[in-house]
Amino acid sequence: MTSPVGGLVERMLEAMSENNEFSVFISPEQKRALIMSIFSAYYHPQADKEIIFDTNRLWCSKLPLILELFPEAKVICCVRNIAWIMDSIELLIRRNAFDVSRLFNNPAERATVYSRTEALSQGSRLVGYAYTALKEAFYSEQSASLLLVDYDLLTKNPTKTISLIYQFIGEEPFEHDFNNVEYQEPEFDNKLKTKGLHQVRSQVEFKPRTTILPPDLFERFDGLSFWTEATNSRASMIVAKAKETVKNEPLDPP
């Protein structure tokens, strides 16, 4: 579930920009302190913790800012074939057949599976923004702080995959119960009229199935997994490529 910290940071940056005529009175040092205060205030109840995990797809587009504030920060991104992401969202929309999902802005966007996937793939939308932000981070000079984790590998072998994640962040492994990870945010999902959007099944497992997308639509998104052909990036990866796992950093495959 996305935390509100990223949105608060975005709004603070905008408030300190040229859109505010008084921004000339805010020094670079004050800007840094104001942004840092958002993290400090939001996570004050966990001030005694050594490590904080904050979830927001926005951080991939803010790596320079994050590493300026927290030089040792790491960003972990779960990646999946975009065609299957679109498939999962479409399946969810169809399961809520009597609701008008707020993932879409108007009837034209909601009209068909083609218009729905087109809308979601736009650069500022649910899938498109996350994809382009990840691509920015992957090829950036800060890419060494990034770890990509393949969804399929995670669901097929969660124990090994999680151990590699602990290796990446430099922490001792913690024993997880992968048969009891149930999670949901019904209030948030109901506001979006998209019931089940943030619902996680109790057991981590891989469930193969047939896509519900038309063949041409599936093919359109199927070739967008740029991380399987890694070049010019220092990012660490736990991903599959042609039935084998590739890596840029010393992380053994599951």
Protein backbone atom coordinates (compact mmCIF):
# COMPACT_ATOMS: atom_id res chain seq x y z
CA MET A 1 0.00 0.00 0.00
CA THR A 2 1.36 3.41 -0.97
CA SER A 3 2.22 5.71 1.93
CA PRO A 4 1.33 9.43 1.79
CA VAL A 5 4.95 10.57 2.22
CA GLY A 6 5.71 10.73 -1.50
CA GLY A 7 2.68 12.90 -2.20
CA LEU A 8 3.55 15.21 0.67
CA VAL A 9 7.09 15.58 -0.67
CA GLU A 10 5.75 16.40 -4.14
CA ARG A 11 3.46 19.08 -2.77
CA MET A 12 6.20 20.60 -0.65
CA LEU A 13 8.53 20.77 -3.65
CA GLU A 14 5.82 22.50 -5.65
CA ALA A 15 5.12 24.91 -2.80
CA MET A 16 8.82 25.87 -2.78
CA SER A 17 9.01 26.26 -6.57
CA GLU A 18 8.67 29.34 -8.77
CA ASN A 19 4.90 28.85 -8.60
CA ASN A 20 5.21 30.45 -5.18
CA GLU A 21 6.31 34.09 -5.48
CA PHE A 22 7.86 33.90 -2.02
CA SER A 23 10.09 30.95 -2.94
CA VAL A 24 12.99 33.38 -3.42
CA PHE A 25 13.14 33.64 0.36
CA ILE A 26 13.66 29.88 0.82
CA SER A 27 17.31 28.86 0.75
CA PRO A 28 18.52 25.46 -0.54
CA GLU A 29 19.33 24.51 3.05
CA GLN A 30 15.81 25.38 4.15
CA LYS A 31 14.31 23.40 1.28
CA ARG A 32 16.29 20.36 2.33
CA ALA A 33 15.24 20.79 5.96
CA LEU A 34 11.57 21.18 5.05
CA ILE A 35 11.58 18.00 2.96
CA MET A 36 13.42 16.11 5.68
CA SER A 37 10.85 17.30 8.22
CA ILE A 38 8.12 15.43 6.30
CA PHE A 39 9.91 12.13 6.81
CA SER A 40 10.74 12.96 10.42
CA ALA A 41 7.17 13.95 11.29
CA TYR A 42 5.43 11.07 9.53
CA TYR A 43 7.74 8.42 10.96
CA HIS A 44 8.11 9.99 14.39
CA PRO A 45 6.20 7.07 16.02
CA GLN A 46 8.92 4.75 14.63
CA ALA A 47 11.81 7.03 15.56
CA ASP A 48 13.43 4.24 17.56
CA LYS A 49 13.66 1.97 14.50
CA GLU A 50 16.92 1.63 12.61
CA ILE A 51 15.27 0.82 9.27
CA ILE A 52 12.09 2.22 7.72
CA PHE A 53 10.35 0.80 4.64
CA ASP A 54 8.27 3.37 2.76
CA THR A 55 6.18 2.24 -0.21
CA ASN A 56 5.64 4.55 -3.16
CA ARG A 57 6.24 4.09 -6.89
CA LEU A 58 7.18 7.78 -6.96
CA TRP A 59 10.59 7.17 -5.36
CA CYS A 60 12.01 5.77 -8.60
CA SER A 61 11.64 9.25 -10.11
CA LYS A 62 13.14 10.89 -7.02
CA LEU A 63 16.34 8.89 -6.51
CA PRO A 64 18.61 11.99 -6.51
CA LEU A 65 16.47 13.57 -3.77
CA ILE A 66 16.25 10.37 -1.71
CA LEU A 67 19.99 9.73 -1.82
CA GLU A 68 20.73 13.36 -1.01
CA LEU A 69 18.68 13.00 2.16
CA PHE A 70 19.51 9.37 2.91
CA PRO A 71 22.80 8.35 1.23
CA GLU A 72 22.44 4.71 2.29
CA ALA A 73 18.85 4.35 1.05
CA LYS A 74 17.86 1.42 -1.16
CA VAL A 75 14.90 1.13 -3.51
CA ILE A 76 13.33 -2.29 -4.07
CA CYS A 77 11.00 -2.70 -7.05
CA CYS A 78 8.88 -5.74 -7.77
CA VAL A 79 8.66 -6.05 -11.56
CA ARG A 80 6.32 -8.08 -13.72
CA ASN A 81 5.56 -8.50 -17.38
CA ILE A 82 3.40 -5.46 -18.22
CA ALA A 83 0.94 -7.60 -20.17
CA TRP A 84 0.19 -9.61 -17.04
CA ILE A 85 -0.16 -6.45 -14.96
CA MET A 86 -2.77 -5.19 -17.42
CA ASP A 87 -4.39 -8.62 -17.38
CA SER A 88 -4.67 -8.60 -13.58
CA ILE A 89 -6.18 -5.12 -13.49
CA GLU A 90 -8.65 -6.01 -16.24
CA LEU A 91 -9.65 -9.14 -14.34
CA LEU A 92 -10.29 -7.02 -11.25
CA ILE A 93 -12.40 -4.53 -13.22
CA ARG A 94 -14.56 -7.35 -14.58
CA ARG A 95 -15.03 -8.85 -11.13
CA ASN A 96 -16.50 -5.50 -10.04
CA ALA A 97 -18.93 -5.39 -12.95
CA PHE A 98 -21.51 -3.23 -11.14
CA ASP A 99 -19.03 -0.57 -10.03
CA VAL A 100 -17.61 2.35 -12.01
CA SER A 101 -13.91 2.24 -11.17
CA ARG A 102 -12.26 5.55 -10.38
CA LEU A 103 -9.07 4.28 -11.99
CA PHE A 104 -10.54 5.81 -15.14
CA ASN A 105 -11.44 9.47 -15.68
CA ASN A 106 -14.42 9.24 -18.01
CA PRO A 107 -16.75 6.86 -19.90
CA ALA A 108 -14.46 6.90 -22.95
CA GLU A 109 -11.57 5.50 -20.91
CA ARG A 110 -13.81 2.89 -19.30
CA ALA A 111 -15.43 1.82 -22.57
CA THR A 112 -13.49 -1.31 -23.58
CA VAL A 113 -10.45 -3.35 -22.61
CA TYR A 114 -8.53 -1.42 -25.28
CA SER A 115 -9.41 2.01 -23.92
CA ARG A 116 -8.85 0.88 -20.34
CA THR A 117 -5.36 -0.47 -20.96
CA GLU A 118 -4.53 2.56 -23.11
CA ALA A 119 -5.53 4.90 -20.28
CA LEU A 120 -3.57 3.00 -17.63
CA SER A 121 -0.44 2.91 -19.80
CA GLN A 122 -0.24 6.69 -20.20
CA GLY A 123 2.81 8.31 -18.65
CA SER A 124 1.00 9.90 -15.72
CA ARG A 125 -1.27 6.97 -14.87
CA LEU A 126 -1.24 3.87 -12.67
CA VAL A 127 0.90 1.60 -14.86
CA GLY A 128 2.55 4.05 -17.24
CA TYR A 129 3.97 6.30 -14.53
CA ALA A 130 5.38 3.40 -12.51
CA TYR A 131 6.95 1.95 -15.66
CA THR A 132 8.63 5.15 -16.86
CA ALA A 133 9.76 6.09 -13.35
CA LEU A 134 11.39 2.68 -12.97
CA LYS A 135 13.06 3.05 -16.35
CA GLU A 136 14.43 6.44 -15.29
CA ALA A 137 15.89 4.99 -12.10
CA PHE A 138 17.23 1.88 -13.85
CA TYR A 139 19.38 3.88 -16.28
CA SER A 140 20.30 6.69 -13.88
CA GLU A 141 23.62 7.37 -12.19
CA GLN A 142 21.93 6.30 -8.93
CA SER A 143 20.96 2.86 -10.28
CA ALA A 144 23.33 1.04 -7.89
CA SER A 145 20.81 1.78 -5.13
CA LEU A 146 18.09 -0.10 -7.02
CA LEU A 147 17.01 -3.74 -6.78
CA LEU A 148 14.53 -5.29 -9.22
CA VAL A 149 12.69 -8.42 -8.07
CA ASP A 150 10.76 -10.50 -10.57
CA TYR A 151 7.18 -11.19 -9.44
CA ASP A 152 7.16 -14.71 -10.87
CA LEU A 153 10.40 -15.69 -9.12
CA LEU A 154 9.14 -14.19 -5.86
CA THR A 155 5.92 -16.19 -5.97
CA LYS A 156 7.63 -19.41 -7.07
CA ASN A 157 10.44 -19.30 -4.50
CA PRO A 158 9.70 -16.65 -1.86
CA THR A 159 12.16 -17.97 0.72
CA LYS A 160 15.21 -17.72 -1.53
CA THR A 161 14.09 -14.46 -3.10
CA ILE A 162 13.54 -12.75 0.23
CA SER A 163 16.94 -13.93 1.44
CA LEU A 164 18.52 -12.20 -1.57
CA ILE A 165 16.63 -9.02 -0.73
CA TYR A 166 18.09 -9.10 2.78
CA GLN A 167 21.50 -9.58 1.20
CA PHE A 168 20.96 -6.48 -0.95
CA ILE A 169 20.00 -4.24 1.98
CA GLY A 170 22.76 -5.68 4.15
CA GLU A 171 20.55 -7.00 6.93
CA GLU A 172 20.25 -10.34 8.68
CA PRO A 173 17.45 -12.50 7.21
CA PHE A 174 14.18 -12.66 9.11
CA GLU A 175 12.05 -15.79 9.04
CA HIS A 176 8.75 -15.07 7.27
CA ASP A 177 5.57 -17.12 7.18
CA PHE A 178 4.72 -17.18 3.48
CA ASN A 179 1.48 -19.00 4.19
CA ASN A 180 0.14 -16.15 6.27
CA VAL A 181 0.72 -12.78 4.59
CA GLU A 182 -2.89 -11.73 4.07
CA TYR A 183 -3.40 -7.99 3.57
CA GLN A 184 -6.16 -5.69 2.39
CA GLU A 185 -7.26 -2.06 2.40
CA PRO A 186 -11.03 -2.28 1.86
CA GLU A 187 -11.79 1.33 2.79
CA PHE A 188 -9.28 2.72 0.29
CA ASP A 189 -10.32 0.30 -2.45
CA ASN A 190 -14.01 1.04 -1.92
CA LYS A 191 -13.34 4.76 -2.39
CA LEU A 192 -11.78 3.89 -5.74
CA LYS A 193 -14.75 1.65 -6.55
CA THR A 194 -12.21 -1.09 -7.26
CA LYS A 195 -12.76 -3.72 -4.60
CA GLY A 196 -9.78 -6.01 -4.06
CA LEU A 197 -7.18 -3.69 -5.61
CA HIS A 198 -4.91 -3.99 -2.57
CA GLN A 199 -6.00 -7.43 -1.43
CA VAL A 200 -3.21 -9.98 -0.98
CA ARG A 201 -3.90 -13.69 -0.66
CA SER A 202 -2.67 -15.36 2.51
CA GLN A 203 -0.32 -17.76 0.71
CA VAL A 204 2.56 -16.64 -1.51
CA GLU A 205 2.32 -18.93 -4.52
CA PHE A 206 2.45 -18.85 -8.30
CA LYS A 207 -0.88 -19.52 -10.02
CA PRO A 208 -0.58 -19.88 -13.80
CA ARG A 209 -3.67 -19.07 -15.84
CA THR A 210 -4.78 -18.06 -19.33
CA THR A 211 -4.84 -14.35 -20.10
CA ILE A 212 -8.16 -12.59 -20.63
CA LEU A 213 -6.60 -9.93 -22.89
CA PRO A 214 -7.12 -10.14 -26.66
CA PRO A 215 -3.99 -11.58 -28.34
CA ASP A 216 -2.99 -8.34 -30.08
CA LEU A 217 -3.32 -6.37 -26.85
CA PHE A 218 -1.29 -8.88 -24.86
CA GLU A 219 1.42 -8.81 -27.52
CA ARG A 220 1.55 -5.02 -27.39
CA PHE A 221 2.62 -5.02 -23.73
CA ASP A 222 4.46 -8.34 -23.67
CA GLY A 223 7.77 -6.97 -24.95
CA LEU A 224 8.21 -4.09 -22.51
CA SER A 225 10.29 -5.92 -19.89
CA PHE A 226 13.48 -3.92 -20.48
CA TRP A 227 15.06 -5.37 -17.35
CA THR A 228 15.53 -8.77 -19.03
CA GLU A 229 18.05 -7.18 -21.41
CA ALA A 230 20.04 -5.22 -18.87
CA THR A 231 22.58 -2.79 -20.32
CA ASN A 232 24.08 0.45 -19.03
CA SER A 233 22.71 -0.06 -15.54
CA ARG A 234 24.31 -0.82 -12.19
CA ALA A 235 21.03 -1.97 -10.68
CA SER A 236 20.90 -5.31 -8.88
CA MET A 237 18.38 -7.77 -10.25
CA ILE A 238 16.60 -10.97 -9.34
CA VAL A 239 14.94 -11.51 -12.69
CA ALA A 240 14.50 -14.22 -15.29
CA LYS A 241 15.89 -14.17 -18.80
CA ALA A 242 15.41 -17.06 -21.24
CA LYS A 243 14.84 -19.56 -18.40
CA GLU A 244 17.83 -18.34 -16.43
CA THR A 245 18.41 -15.61 -13.88
CA VAL A 246 20.63 -12.67 -14.72
CA LYS A 247 22.22 -10.21 -12.35
CA ASN A 248 24.40 -7.12 -12.30
CA GLU A 249 25.37 -7.52 -8.66
CA PRO A 250 26.46 -10.63 -6.71
CA LEU A 251 22.96 -11.90 -5.95
CA ASP A 252 22.59 -15.60 -6.68
CA PRO A 253 19.31 -16.56 -8.44
CA PRO A 254 16.55 -18.38 -6.55
